[in-house]
PDB file of N, CA and C in Angstrom:
ATOM      1  N   MET A   1       0.830  -1.197   0.000  1.00  0.00           N
ATOM      2  CA  MET A   1       0.000   0.000   0.000  1.00  0.00           C
ATOM      3  C   MET A   1       0.871   1.257   0.000  1.00  0.00           C
ATOM      4  N   THR A   2       1.877   1.300   0.879  1.00  0.00           N
ATOM      5  CA  THR A   2       2.744   2.464   0.961  1.00  0.00           C
ATOM      6  C   THR A   2       3.502   2.672  -0.347  1.00  0.00           C
ATOM      7  N   ALA A   3       4.009   1.598  -0.943  1.00  0.00           N
ATOM      8  CA  ALA A   3       4.733   1.716  -2.216  1.00  0.00           C
ATOM      9  C   ALA A   3       3.822   2.256  -3.300  1.00  0.00           C
ATOM     10  N   SER A   4       2.566   1.826  -3.308  1.00  0.00           N
ATOM     11  CA  SER A   4       1.602   2.312  -4.294  1.00  0.00           C
ATOM     12  C   SER A   4       1.349   3.806  -4.126  1.00  0.00           C
ATOM     13  N   LEU A   5       1.240   4.266  -2.887  1.00  0.00           N
ATOM     14  CA  LEU A   5       1.027   5.693  -2.626  1.00  0.00           C
ATOM     15  C   LEU A   5       2.235   6.516  -3.061  1.00  0.00           C
ATOM     16  N   ILE A   6       3.421   6.017  -2.770  1.00  0.00           N
ATOM     17  CA  ILE A   6       4.634   6.726  -3.182  1.00  0.00           C
ATOM     18  C   ILE A   6       4.715   6.780  -4.698  1.00  0.00           C
ATOM     19  N   PHE A   7       4.400   5.659  -5.364  1.00  0.00           N
ATOM     20  CA  PHE A   7       4.428   5.614  -6.824  1.00  0.00           C
ATOM     21  C   PHE A   7       3.431   6.618  -7.397  1.00  0.00           C
ATOM     22  N   SER A   8       2.201   6.624  -6.871  1.00  0.00           N
ATOM     23  CA  SER A   8       1.166   7.549  -7.349  1.00  0.00           C
ATOM     24  C   SER A   8       1.583   8.995  -7.132  1.00  0.00           C
ATOM     25  N   ALA A   9       2.185   9.288  -5.979  1.00  0.00           N
ATOM     26  CA  ALA A   9       2.638  10.645  -5.700  1.00  0.00           C
ATOM     27  C   ALA A   9       3.748  11.051  -6.667  1.00  0.00           C
ATOM     28  N   SER A  10       4.643  10.130  -6.990  1.00  0.00           N
ATOM     29  CA  SER A  10       5.722  10.419  -7.934  1.00  0.00           C
ATOM     30  C   SER A  10       5.172  10.729  -9.314  1.00  0.00           C
ATOM     31  N   ILE A  11       4.196   9.952  -9.745  1.00  0.00           N
ATOM     32  CA  ILE A  11       3.583  10.187 -11.058  1.00  0.00           C
ATOM     33  C   ILE A  11       2.879  11.537 -11.075  1.00  0.00           C
ATOM     34  N   THR A  12       2.158  11.854 -10.002  1.00  0.00           N
ATOM     35  CA  THR A  12       1.465  13.142  -9.928  1.00  0.00           C
ATOM     36  C   THR A  12       2.462  14.287 -10.025  1.00  0.00           C
ATOM     37  N   LEU A  13       3.590  14.176  -9.337  1.00  0.00           N
ATOM     38  CA  LEU A  13       4.610  15.207  -9.374  1.00  0.00           C
ATOM     39  C   LEU A  13       5.183  15.362 -10.778  1.00  0.00           C
ATOM     40  N   ILE A  14       5.482  14.250 -11.432  1.00  0.00           N
ATOM     41  CA  ILE A  14       6.036  14.307 -12.789  1.00  0.00           C
ATOM     42  C   ILE A  14       5.047  14.960 -13.748  1.00  0.00           C
ATOM     43  N   LEU A  15       3.768  14.578 -13.666  1.00  0.00           N
ATOM     44  CA  LEU A  15       2.757  15.162 -14.547  1.00  0.00           C
ATOM     45  C   LEU A  15       2.583  16.642 -14.268  1.00  0.00           C
ATOM     46  N   ALA A  16       2.637  17.036 -13.007  1.00  0.00           N
ATOM     47  CA  ALA A  16       2.456  18.436 -12.647  1.00  0.00           C
ATOM     48  C   ALA A  16       3.592  19.295 -13.186  1.00  0.00           C
ATOM     49  N   GLN A  17       4.781  18.711 -13.312  1.00  0.00           N
ATOM     50  CA  GLN A  17       5.912  19.472 -13.809  1.00  0.00           C
ATOM     51  C   GLN A  17       5.793  19.768 -15.297  1.00  0.00           C
ATOM     52  N   GLY A  18       4.982  19.016 -16.016  1.00  0.00           N
ATOM     53  CA  GLY A  18       4.702  19.307 -17.410  1.00  0.00           C
ATOM     54  C   GLY A  18       5.837  19.047 -18.376  1.00  0.00           C
ATOM     55  N   GLY A  19       6.914  18.409 -17.955  1.00  0.00           N
ATOM     56  CA  GLY A  19       8.057  18.184 -18.829  1.00  0.00           C
ATOM     57  C   GLY A  19       7.937  16.899 -19.612  1.00  0.00           C
ATOM     58  N   ALA A  20       6.849  16.706 -20.309  1.00  0.00           N
ATOM     59  CA  ALA A  20       6.636  15.464 -21.048  1.00  0.00           C
ATOM     60  C   ALA A  20       7.476  15.435 -22.319  1.00  0.00           C
ATOM     61  N   LEU A  21       7.927  14.230 -22.651  1.00  0.00           N
ATOM     62  CA  LEU A  21       8.683  13.993 -23.877  1.00  0.00           C
ATOM     63  C   LEU A  21       7.732  13.639 -25.010  1.00  0.00           C
ATOM     64  N   LYS A  22       8.103  13.958 -26.221  1.00  0.00           N
ATOM     65  CA  LYS A  22       7.401  13.467 -27.397  1.00  0.00           C
ATOM     66  C   LYS A  22       7.885  12.038 -27.648  1.00  0.00           C
ATOM     67  N   ALA A  23       7.093  11.242 -28.330  1.00  0.00           N
ATOM     68  CA  ALA A  23       7.427   9.833 -28.548  1.00  0.00           C
ATOM     69  C   ALA A  23       8.797   9.645 -29.179  1.00  0.00           C
ATOM     70  N   ASP A  24       9.156  10.494 -30.132  1.00  0.00           N
ATOM     71  CA  ASP A  24      10.441  10.329 -30.807  1.00  0.00           C
ATOM     72  C   ASP A  24      11.634  10.790 -29.968  1.00  0.00           C
ATOM     73  N   GLN A  25      11.391  11.363 -28.790  1.00  0.00           N
ATOM     74  CA  GLN A  25      12.464  11.771 -27.886  1.00  0.00           C
ATOM     75  C   GLN A  25      12.767  10.697 -26.832  1.00  0.00           C
ATOM     76  N   ALA A  26      11.883   9.728 -26.669  1.00  0.00           N
ATOM     77  CA  ALA A  26      11.996   8.751 -25.588  1.00  0.00           C
ATOM     78  C   ALA A  26      13.267   7.913 -25.661  1.00  0.00           C
ATOM     79  N   ALA A  27      13.725   7.589 -26.848  1.00  0.00           N
ATOM     80  CA  ALA A  27      14.910   6.734 -26.993  1.00  0.00           C
ATOM     81  C   ALA A  27      16.148   7.348 -26.346  1.00  0.00           C
ATOM     82  N   ALA A  28      16.206   8.653 -26.277  1.00  0.00           N
ATOM     83  CA  ALA A  28      17.346   9.337 -25.668  1.00  0.00           C
ATOM     84  C   ALA A  28      17.264   9.344 -24.139  1.00  0.00           C
ATOM     85  N   HIS A  29      16.184   8.769 -23.584  1.00  0.00           N
ATOM     86  CA  HIS A  29      15.964   8.814 -22.137  1.00  0.00           C
ATOM     87  C   HIS A  29      15.804   7.420 -21.523  1.00  0.00           C
ATOM     88  N   ILE A  30      16.334   6.400 -22.189  1.00  0.00           N
ATOM     89  CA  ILE A  30      16.244   5.036 -21.651  1.00  0.00           C
ATOM     90  C   ILE A  30      16.964   4.978 -20.305  1.00  0.00           C
ATOM     91  N   GLY A  31      16.301   4.346 -19.344  1.00  0.00           N
ATOM     92  CA  GLY A  31      16.826   4.257 -17.992  1.00  0.00           C
ATOM     93  C   GLY A  31      16.292   5.326 -17.062  1.00  0.00           C
ATOM     94  N   GLU A  32      15.636   6.331 -17.616  1.00  0.00           N
ATOM     95  CA  GLU A  32      15.078   7.417 -16.817  1.00  0.00           C
ATOM     96  C   GLU A  32      13.593   7.183 -16.561  1.00  0.00           C
ATOM     97  N   THR A  33      13.095   7.764 -15.484  1.00  0.00           N
ATOM     98  CA  THR A  33      11.654   7.811 -15.253  1.00  0.00           C
ATOM     99  C   THR A  33      11.172   9.116 -15.853  1.00  0.00           C
ATOM    100  N   ALA A  34      10.218   9.028 -16.757  1.00  0.00           N
ATOM    101  CA  ALA A  34       9.769  10.200 -17.492  1.00  0.00           C
ATOM    102  C   ALA A  34       8.321  10.019 -17.932  1.00  0.00           C
ATOM    103  N   THR A  35       7.770  11.077 -18.485  1.00  0.00           N
ATOM    104  CA  THR A  35       6.434  11.060 -19.066  1.00  0.00           C
ATOM    105  C   THR A  35       6.573  11.252 -20.566  1.00  0.00           C
ATOM    106  N   VAL A  36       5.904  10.403 -21.319  1.00  0.00           N
ATOM    107  CA  VAL A  36       5.911  10.474 -22.772  1.00  0.00           C
ATOM    108  C   VAL A  36       4.479  10.748 -23.210  1.00  0.00           C
ATOM    109  N   GLU A  37       4.313  11.684 -24.138  1.00  0.00           N
ATOM    110  CA  GLU A  37       2.960  12.033 -24.559  1.00  0.00           C
ATOM    111  C   GLU A  37       2.801  11.954 -26.068  1.00  0.00           C
ATOM    112  N   GLY A  38       1.544  11.725 -26.469  1.00  0.00           N
ATOM    113  CA  GLY A  38       1.218  11.683 -27.884  1.00  0.00           C
ATOM    114  C   GLY A  38      -0.082  10.933 -28.124  1.00  0.00           C
ATOM    115  N   ARG A  39      -0.447  10.803 -29.404  1.00  0.00           N
ATOM    116  CA  ARG A  39      -1.687  10.123 -29.783  1.00  0.00           C
ATOM    117  C   ARG A  39      -1.503   8.620 -29.639  1.00  0.00           C
ATOM    118  N   LEU A  40      -2.485   7.976 -29.029  1.00  0.00           N
ATOM    119  CA  LEU A  40      -2.416   6.566 -28.676  1.00  0.00           C
ATOM    120  C   LEU A  40      -3.098   5.680 -29.709  1.00  0.00           C
ATOM    121  N   SER A  41      -2.440   4.578 -30.019  1.00  0.00           N
ATOM    122  CA  SER A  41      -2.998   3.525 -30.870  1.00  0.00           C
ATOM    123  C   SER A  41      -2.824   2.211 -30.113  1.00  0.00           C
ATOM    124  N   ILE A  42      -3.923   1.518 -29.843  1.00  0.00           N
ATOM    125  CA  ILE A  42      -3.886   0.299 -29.041  1.00  0.00           C
ATOM    126  C   ILE A  42      -3.920  -0.933 -29.935  1.00  0.00           C
ATOM    127  N   SER A  43      -3.062  -1.912 -29.594  1.00  0.00           N
ATOM    128  CA  SER A  43      -3.127  -3.211 -30.270  1.00  0.00           C
ATOM    129  C   SER A  43      -2.959  -4.301 -29.217  1.00  0.00           C
ATOM    130  N   ARG A  44      -3.547  -5.447 -29.492  1.00  0.00           N
ATOM    131  CA  ARG A  44      -3.477  -6.576 -28.568  1.00  0.00           C
ATOM    132  C   ARG A  44      -2.956  -7.806 -29.296  1.00  0.00           C
ATOM    133  N   THR A  45      -2.252  -8.644 -28.536  1.00  0.00           N
ATOM    134  CA  THR A  45      -1.774  -9.895 -29.104  1.00  0.00           C
ATOM    135  C   THR A  45      -2.766 -11.002 -28.746  1.00  0.00           C
ATOM    136  N   SER A  46      -2.677 -12.120 -29.437  1.00  0.00           N
ATOM    137  CA  SER A  46      -3.557 -13.248 -29.135  1.00  0.00           C
ATOM    138  C   SER A  46      -3.245 -13.833 -27.752  1.00  0.00           C
ATOM    139  N   ALA A  47      -2.063 -13.527 -27.211  1.00  0.00           N
ATOM    140  CA  ALA A  47      -1.674 -14.003 -25.880  1.00  0.00           C
ATOM    141  C   ALA A  47      -2.238 -13.133 -24.755  1.00  0.00           C
ATOM    142  N   GLY A  48      -2.956 -12.036 -25.116  1.00  0.00           N
ATOM    143  CA  GLY A  48      -3.567 -11.190 -24.106  1.00  0.00           C
ATOM    144  C   GLY A  48      -2.718 -10.008 -23.671  1.00  0.00           C
ATOM    145  N   GLU A  49      -1.621  -9.737 -24.354  1.00  0.00           N
ATOM    146  CA  GLU A  49      -0.788  -8.576 -24.056  1.00  0.00           C
ATOM    147  C   GLU A  49      -1.333  -7.369 -24.805  1.00  0.00           C
ATOM    148  N   THR A  50      -1.135  -6.180 -24.234  1.00  0.00           N
ATOM    149  CA  THR A  50      -1.613  -4.952 -24.865  1.00  0.00           C
ATOM    150  C   THR A  50      -0.443  -4.015 -25.094  1.00  0.00           C
ATOM    151  N   TYR A  51      -0.367  -3.475 -26.301  1.00  0.00           N
ATOM    152  CA  TYR A  51       0.639  -2.477 -26.646  1.00  0.00           C
ATOM    153  C   TYR A  51      -0.067  -1.163 -26.900  1.00  0.00           C
ATOM    154  N   LEU A  52       0.424  -0.127 -26.250  1.00  0.00           N
ATOM    155  CA  LEU A  52      -0.107   1.212 -26.421  1.00  0.00           C
ATOM    156  C   LEU A  52       0.950   2.004 -27.175  1.00  0.00           C
ATOM    157  N   ASP A  53       0.786   2.091 -28.473  1.00  0.00           N
ATOM    158  CA  ASP A  53       1.765   2.766 -29.316  1.00  0.00           C
ATOM    159  C   ASP A  53       1.465   4.259 -29.344  1.00  0.00           C
ATOM    160  N   ILE A  54       2.520   5.050 -29.235  1.00  0.00           N
ATOM    161  CA  ILE A  54       2.381   6.502 -29.274  1.00  0.00           C
ATOM    162  C   ILE A  54       3.220   7.033 -30.426  1.00  0.00           C
ATOM    163  N   GLY A  55       2.598   7.889 -31.232  1.00  0.00           N
ATOM    164  CA  GLY A  55       3.297   8.485 -32.361  1.00  0.00           C
ATOM    165  C   GLY A  55       3.268   7.635 -33.612  1.00  0.00           C
ATOM    166  N   GLY A  56       2.446   6.630 -33.645  1.00  0.00           N
ATOM    167  CA  GLY A  56       2.334   5.719 -34.783  1.00  0.00           C
ATOM    168  C   GLY A  56       1.649   4.456 -34.317  1.00  0.00           C
ATOM    169  N   SER A  57       1.728   3.402 -35.104  1.00  0.00           N
ATOM    170  CA  SER A  57       1.140   2.136 -34.679  1.00  0.00           C
ATOM    171  C   SER A  57       2.032   0.984 -35.117  1.00  0.00           C
ATOM    172  N   GLY A  58       2.033  -0.044 -34.293  1.00  0.00           N
ATOM    173  CA  GLY A  58       2.840  -1.214 -34.603  1.00  0.00           C
ATOM    174  C   GLY A  58       4.320  -0.898 -34.614  1.00  0.00           C
ATOM    175  N   SER A  59       5.046  -1.535 -35.506  1.00  0.00           N
ATOM    176  CA  SER A  59       6.500  -1.382 -35.538  1.00  0.00           C
ATOM    177  C   SER A  59       6.936   0.020 -35.979  1.00  0.00           C
ATOM    178  N   SER A  60       6.040   0.796 -36.578  1.00  0.00           N
ATOM    179  CA  SER A  60       6.409   2.150 -36.998  1.00  0.00           C
ATOM    180  C   SER A  60       6.311   3.168 -35.871  1.00  0.00           C
ATOM    181  N   ALA A  61       5.713   2.783 -34.737  1.00  0.00           N
ATOM    182  CA  ALA A  61       5.582   3.707 -33.607  1.00  0.00           C
ATOM    183  C   ALA A  61       6.943   3.905 -32.948  1.00  0.00           C
ATOM    184  N   PRO A  62       7.317   5.145 -32.664  1.00  0.00           N
ATOM    185  CA  PRO A  62       8.623   5.382 -32.032  1.00  0.00           C
ATOM    186  C   PRO A  62       8.668   5.027 -30.547  1.00  0.00           C
ATOM    187  N   PHE A  63       7.498   4.790 -29.944  1.00  0.00           N
ATOM    188  CA  PHE A  63       7.424   4.501 -28.506  1.00  0.00           C
ATOM    189  C   PHE A  63       6.194   3.651 -28.223  1.00  0.00           C
ATOM    190  N   SER A  64       6.328   2.742 -27.241  1.00  0.00           N
ATOM    191  CA  SER A  64       5.186   1.928 -26.813  1.00  0.00           C
ATOM    192  C   SER A  64       5.162   1.821 -25.299  1.00  0.00           C
ATOM    193  N   ALA A  65       3.968   1.655 -24.780  1.00  0.00           N
ATOM    194  CA  ALA A  65       3.782   1.240 -23.394  1.00  0.00           C
ATOM    195  C   ALA A  65       3.221  -0.174 -23.490  1.00  0.00           C
ATOM    196  N   TYR A  66       3.496  -0.983 -22.482  1.00  0.00           N
ATOM    197  CA  TYR A  66       3.151  -2.397 -22.539  1.00  0.00           C
ATOM    198  C   TYR A  66       2.396  -2.802 -21.288  1.00  0.00           C
ATOM    199  N   VAL A  67       1.281  -3.523 -21.492  1.00  0.00           N
ATOM    200  CA  VAL A  67       0.512  -4.103 -20.391  1.00  0.00           C
ATOM    201  C   VAL A  67       0.552  -5.613 -20.563  1.00  0.00           C
ATOM    202  N   SER A  68       1.134  -6.291 -19.587  1.00  0.00           N
ATOM    203  CA  SER A  68       1.220  -7.749 -19.664  1.00  0.00           C
ATOM    204  C   SER A  68      -0.150  -8.378 -19.436  1.00  0.00           C
ATOM    205  N   ARG A  69      -0.279  -9.613 -19.834  1.00  0.00           N
ATOM    206  CA  ARG A  69      -1.522 -10.358 -19.622  1.00  0.00           C
ATOM    207  C   ARG A  69      -1.861 -10.384 -18.127  1.00  0.00           C
ATOM    208  N   GLY A  70      -0.851 -10.525 -17.276  1.00  0.00           N
ATOM    209  CA  GLY A  70      -1.068 -10.573 -15.837  1.00  0.00           C
ATOM    210  C   GLY A  70      -1.580  -9.276 -15.246  1.00  0.00           C
ATOM    211  N   ASN A  71      -1.286  -8.154 -15.891  1.00  0.00           N
ATOM    212  CA  ASN A  71      -1.751  -6.850 -15.405  1.00  0.00           C
ATOM    213  C   ASN A  71      -2.996  -6.349 -16.134  1.00  0.00           C
ATOM    214  N   SER A  72      -3.450  -7.066 -17.136  1.00  0.00           N
ATOM    215  CA  SER A  72      -4.549  -6.568 -17.975  1.00  0.00           C
ATOM    216  C   SER A  72      -5.830  -6.308 -17.195  1.00  0.00           C
ATOM    217  N   GLY A  73      -6.076  -7.053 -16.130  1.00  0.00           N
ATOM    218  CA  GLY A  73      -7.288  -6.849 -15.328  1.00  0.00           C
ATOM    219  C   GLY A  73      -7.346  -5.493 -14.662  1.00  0.00           C
ATOM    220  N   LYS A  74      -6.201  -4.850 -14.476  1.00  0.00           N
ATOM    221  CA  LYS A  74      -6.152  -3.520 -13.867  1.00  0.00           C
ATOM    222  C   LYS A  74      -6.508  -2.415 -14.853  1.00  0.00           C
ATOM    223  N   PHE A  75      -6.498  -2.731 -16.141  1.00  0.00           N
ATOM    224  CA  PHE A  75      -6.680  -1.729 -17.197  1.00  0.00           C
ATOM    225  C   PHE A  75      -7.960  -2.016 -17.982  1.00  0.00           C
ATOM    226  N   GLN A  76      -9.095  -1.961 -17.317  1.00  0.00           N
ATOM    227  CA  GLN A  76     -10.374  -2.356 -17.902  1.00  0.00           C
ATOM    228  C   GLN A  76     -10.874  -1.442 -19.023  1.00  0.00           C
ATOM    229  N   ASP A  77     -10.738  -0.144 -18.891  1.00  0.00           N
ATOM    230  CA  ASP A  77     -11.335   0.794 -19.846  1.00  0.00           C
ATOM    231  C   ASP A  77     -10.327   1.353 -20.842  1.00  0.00           C
ATOM    232  N   MET A  78      -9.306   0.601 -21.148  1.00  0.00           N
ATOM    233  CA  MET A  78      -8.232   1.070 -22.013  1.00  0.00           C
ATOM    234  C   MET A  78      -8.720   1.490 -23.403  1.00  0.00           C
ATOM    235  N   ASP A  79      -9.704   0.784 -23.955  1.00  0.00           N
ATOM    236  CA  ASP A  79     -10.165   1.100 -25.312  1.00  0.00           C
ATOM    237  C   ASP A  79     -10.711   2.518 -25.437  1.00  0.00           C
ATOM    238  N   LYS A  80     -11.184   3.105 -24.345  1.00  0.00           N
ATOM    239  CA  LYS A  80     -11.689   4.485 -24.376  1.00  0.00           C
ATOM    240  C   LYS A  80     -10.586   5.485 -24.683  1.00  0.00           C
ATOM    241  N   LEU A  81      -9.334   5.076 -24.498  1.00  0.00           N
ATOM    242  CA  LEU A  81      -8.201   5.968 -24.733  1.00  0.00           C
ATOM    243  C   LEU A  81      -7.690   5.915 -26.167  1.00  0.00           C
ATOM    244  N   ASN A  82      -8.111   4.914 -26.932  1.00  0.00           N
ATOM    245  CA  ASN A  82      -7.618   4.749 -28.300  1.00  0.00           C
ATOM    246  C   ASN A  82      -7.892   6.003 -29.128  1.00  0.00           C
ATOM    247  N   GLY A  83      -6.857   6.537 -29.752  1.00  0.00           N
ATOM    248  CA  GLY A  83      -6.991   7.723 -30.592  1.00  0.00           C
ATOM    249  C   GLY A  83      -6.860   9.037 -29.838  1.00  0.00           C
ATOM    250  N   LYS A  84      -6.758   8.991 -28.525  1.00  0.00           N
ATOM    251  CA  LYS A  84      -6.648  10.215 -27.728  1.00  0.00           C
ATOM    252  C   LYS A  84      -5.181  10.560 -27.478  1.00  0.00           C
ATOM    253  N   ASN A  85      -4.954  11.823 -27.156  1.00  0.00           N
ATOM    254  CA  ASN A  85      -3.627  12.250 -26.731  1.00  0.00           C
ATOM    255  C   ASN A  85      -3.484  11.900 -25.260  1.00  0.00           C
ATOM    256  N   VAL A  86      -2.448  11.137 -24.943  1.00  0.00           N
ATOM    257  CA  VAL A  86      -2.259  10.662 -23.579  1.00  0.00           C
ATOM    258  C   VAL A  86      -0.847  10.974 -23.098  1.00  0.00           C
ATOM    259  N   ARG A  87      -0.666  10.808 -21.790  1.00  0.00           N
ATOM    260  CA  ARG A  87       0.650  10.881 -21.156  1.00  0.00           C
ATOM    261  C   ARG A  87       0.872   9.573 -20.419  1.00  0.00           C
ATOM    262  N   VAL A  88       2.018   8.953 -20.659  1.00  0.00           N
ATOM    263  CA  VAL A  88       2.382   7.697 -20.018  1.00  0.00           C
ATOM    264  C   VAL A  88       3.638   7.959 -19.196  1.00  0.00           C
ATOM    265  N   THR A  89       3.609   7.553 -17.929  1.00  0.00           N
ATOM    266  CA  THR A  89       4.725   7.828 -17.029  1.00  0.00           C
ATOM    267  C   THR A  89       5.299   6.534 -16.463  1.00  0.00           C
ATOM    268  N   GLY A  90       6.607   6.457 -16.406  1.00  0.00           N
ATOM    269  CA  GLY A  90       7.287   5.302 -15.832  1.00  0.00           C
ATOM    270  C   GLY A  90       8.734   5.274 -16.272  1.00  0.00           C
ATOM    271  N   GLN A  91       9.424   4.196 -15.933  1.00  0.00           N
ATOM    272  CA  GLN A  91      10.812   4.052 -16.341  1.00  0.00           C
ATOM    273  C   GLN A  91      10.860   3.606 -17.793  1.00  0.00           C
ATOM    274  N   ILE A  92      11.590   4.352 -18.590  1.00  0.00           N
ATOM    275  CA  ILE A  92      11.737   4.013 -20.003  1.00  0.00           C
ATOM    276  C   ILE A  92      12.822   2.943 -20.124  1.00  0.00           C
ATOM    277  N   THR A  93      12.437   1.826 -20.714  1.00  0.00           N
ATOM    278  CA  THR A  93      13.373   0.736 -20.975  1.00  0.00           C
ATOM    279  C   THR A  93      13.436   0.532 -22.486  1.00  0.00           C
ATOM    280  N   SER A  94      14.213  -0.425 -22.913  1.00  0.00           N
ATOM    281  CA  SER A  94      14.315  -0.737 -24.332  1.00  0.00           C
ATOM    282  C   SER A  94      13.886  -2.179 -24.547  1.00  0.00           C
ATOM    283  N   PHE A  95      13.000  -2.386 -25.506  1.00  0.00           N
ATOM    284  CA  PHE A  95      12.561  -3.725 -25.877  1.00  0.00           C
ATOM    285  C   PHE A  95      12.655  -3.838 -27.389  1.00  0.00           C
ATOM    286  N   ARG A  96      13.466  -4.772 -27.840  1.00  0.00           N
ATOM    287  CA  ARG A  96      13.716  -4.964 -29.282  1.00  0.00           C
ATOM    288  C   ARG A  96      14.159  -3.663 -29.953  1.00  0.00           C
ATOM    289  N   GLY A  97      15.007  -2.927 -29.235  1.00  0.00           N
ATOM    290  CA  GLY A  97      15.579  -1.704 -29.785  1.00  0.00           C
ATOM    291  C   GLY A  97      14.655  -0.506 -29.792  1.00  0.00           C
ATOM    292  N   LYS A  98      13.518  -0.611 -29.133  1.00  0.00           N
ATOM    293  CA  LYS A  98      12.537   0.470 -29.134  1.00  0.00           C
ATOM    294  C   LYS A  98      12.223   0.870 -27.693  1.00  0.00           C
ATOM    295  N   PRO A  99      12.082   2.187 -27.410  1.00  0.00           N
ATOM    296  CA  PRO A  99      11.774   2.601 -26.044  1.00  0.00           C
ATOM    297  C   PRO A  99      10.356   2.186 -25.640  1.00  0.00           C
ATOM    298  N   GLU A 100      10.246   1.791 -24.366  1.00  0.00           N
ATOM    299  CA  GLU A 100       8.979   1.255 -23.880  1.00  0.00           C
ATOM    300  C   GLU A 100       8.860   1.512 -22.373  1.00  0.00           C
ATOM    301  N   ILE A 101       7.634   1.697 -21.917  1.00  0.00           N
ATOM    302  CA  ILE A 101       7.342   1.753 -20.487  1.00  0.00           C
ATOM    303  C   ILE A 101       6.430   0.581 -20.176  1.00  0.00           C
ATOM    304  N   PHE A 102       6.804  -0.185 -19.164  1.00  0.00           N
ATOM    305  CA  PHE A 102       6.008  -1.320 -18.698  1.00  0.00           C
ATOM    306  C   PHE A 102       4.978  -0.787 -17.710  1.00  0.00           C
ATOM    307  N   LEU A 103       3.695  -0.944 -18.045  1.00  0.00           N
ATOM    308  CA  LEU A 103       2.627  -0.418 -17.195  1.00  0.00           C
ATOM    309  C   LEU A 103       2.161  -1.461 -16.188  1.00  0.00           C
ATOM    310  N   THR A 104       2.131  -1.071 -14.924  1.00  0.00           N
ATOM    311  CA  THR A 104       1.656  -1.951 -13.858  1.00  0.00           C
ATOM    312  C   THR A 104       0.533  -1.319 -13.055  1.00  0.00           C
ATOM    313  N   ASP A 105       0.290  -0.034 -13.264  1.00  0.00           N
ATOM    314  CA  ASP A 105      -0.699   0.714 -12.493  1.00  0.00           C
ATOM    315  C   ASP A 105      -1.448   1.649 -13.444  1.00  0.00           C
ATOM    316  N   PRO A 106      -2.786   1.648 -13.407  1.00  0.00           N
ATOM    317  CA  PRO A 106      -3.550   2.531 -14.298  1.00  0.00           C
ATOM    318  C   PRO A 106      -3.206   4.011 -14.115  1.00  0.00           C
ATOM    319  N   GLY A 107      -2.661   4.381 -12.959  1.00  0.00           N
ATOM    320  CA  GLY A 107      -2.258   5.758 -12.721  1.00  0.00           C
ATOM    321  C   GLY A 107      -1.087   6.201 -13.579  1.00  0.00           C
ATOM    322  N   GLN A 108      -0.450   5.269 -14.275  1.00  0.00           N
ATOM    323  CA  GLN A 108       0.673   5.609 -15.145  1.00  0.00           C
ATOM    324  C   GLN A 108       0.226   6.208 -16.471  1.00  0.00           C
ATOM    325  N   ILE A 109      -1.062   6.157 -16.766  1.00  0.00           N
ATOM    326  CA  ILE A 109      -1.551   6.688 -18.040  1.00  0.00           C
ATOM    327  C   ILE A 109      -2.711   7.633 -17.779  1.00  0.00           C
ATOM    328  N   ALA A 110      -2.682   8.774 -18.473  1.00  0.00           N
ATOM    329  CA  ALA A 110      -3.732   9.775 -18.310  1.00  0.00           C
ATOM    330  C   ALA A 110      -3.975  10.470 -19.645  1.00  0.00           C
ATOM    331  N   VAL A 111      -5.197  10.895 -19.855  1.00  0.00           N
ATOM    332  CA  VAL A 111      -5.512  11.682 -21.046  1.00  0.00           C
ATOM    333  C   VAL A 111      -4.863  13.044 -20.878  1.00  0.00           C
ATOM    334  N   LYS A 112      -4.187  13.499 -21.907  1.00  0.00           N
ATOM    335  CA  LYS A 112      -3.534  14.807 -21.868  1.00  0.00           C
ATOM    336  C   LYS A 112      -4.608  15.889 -21.896  1.00  0.00           C
ATOM    337  N   PRO A 113      -4.530  16.836 -20.970  1.00  0.00           N
ATOM    338  CA  PRO A 113      -5.525  17.918 -20.977  1.00  0.00           C
ATOM    339  C   PRO A 113      -5.428  18.706 -22.277  1.00  0.00           C
ATOM    340  N   GLU A 114      -6.572  19.021 -22.815  1.00  0.00           N
ATOM    341  CA  GLU A 114      -6.612  19.818 -24.045  1.00  0.00           C
ATOM    342  C   GLU A 114      -6.279  21.267 -23.712  1.00  0.00           C
ATOM    343  N   ALA A 115      -5.554  21.901 -24.603  1.00  0.00           N
ATOM    344  CA  ALA A 115      -5.242  23.314 -24.423  1.00  0.00           C
ATOM    345  C   ALA A 115      -6.532  24.120 -24.572  1.00  0.00           C
ATOM    346  N   PRO A 116      -6.710  25.136 -23.740  1.00  0.00           N
ATOM    347  CA  PRO A 116      -7.922  25.947 -23.878  1.00  0.00           C
ATOM    348  C   PRO A 116      -7.938  26.665 -25.213  1.00  0.00           C
ATOM    349  N   ALA A 117      -9.126  26.848 -25.728  1.00  0.00           N
ATOM    350  CA  ALA A 117      -9.279  27.565 -26.986  1.00  0.00           C
ATOM    351  C   ALA A 117      -8.835  29.011 -26.788  1.00  0.00           C
ATOM    352  N   PRO A 118      -8.172  29.603 -27.791  1.00  0.00           N
ATOM    353  CA  PRO A 118      -7.737  30.987 -27.644  1.00  0.00           C
ATOM    354  C   PRO A 118      -8.946  31.908 -27.496  1.00  0.00           C
ATOM    355  N   ALA A 119      -8.766  32.931 -26.697  1.00  0.00           N
ATOM    356  CA  ALA A 119      -9.844  33.907 -26.495  1.00  0.00           C
ATOM    357  C   ALA A 119     -10.027  34.708 -27.785  1.00  0.00           C
ATOM    358  N   PRO A 120     -11.281  35.038 -28.098  1.00  0.00           N
ATOM    359  CA  PRO A 120     -11.495  35.842 -29.308  1.00  0.00           C
ATOM    360  C   PRO A 120     -10.837  37.222 -29.166  1.00  0.00           C
ATOM    361  N   LYS A 121     -10.323  37.713 -30.269  1.00  0.00           N
ATOM    362  CA  LYS A 121      -9.692  39.034 -30.267  1.00  0.00           C
ATOM    363  C   LYS A 121     -10.761  40.110 -30.172  1.00  0.00           C
ATOM    364  N   PRO A 122     -10.497  41.126 -29.363  1.00  0.00           N
ATOM    365  CA  PRO A 122     -11.487  42.210 -29.269  1.00  0.00           C
ATOM    366  C   PRO A 122     -11.608  42.924 -30.598  1.00  0.00           C
ATOM    367  N   GLN A 123     -12.790  43.355 -30.880  1.00  0.00           N
ATOM    368  CA  GLN A 123     -13.061  44.034 -32.148  1.00  0.00           C
ATOM    369  C   GLN A 123     -12.754  45.511 -32.058  1.00  0.00           C
TER     370      GLN A 123
END
C-alpha cells in the first residue's frame, strides 16, 4: 500500500511538472523515469498482451507502453483511450531496440488535458 502511494505521488509530481517527452524523444531517455505524450494507438496480441503505441502504430511507432496479460485486469477501460492524446509515465526501458514503459498501475496513463481555446480578439 505504501509503495503504491509513493508511486502515485511520484507520477502526480512528474505530470504536474509538465516536462513530457514526445514519442520520438523517448529513446534518448532510456533508464530514466519520465512522461511520454502523444496520440495513442492500441493493439493486442492473441496471448492477451496490450501495446499502447504513441506516435504511430505497430513497428512504426517510435514509442510503446506495454501491459502484460497478468496486469490486464487492472486496465479495464483502455479502449476508451484509443486515438486520444495521452501521457504515459514510468521508467523508459528498451525492448527490441525500441523505447517502452512497462505499465503496472492505471495511474501511469492519463488523457492529456486539451489546451484551452484561444480567447477571441477584441473588435
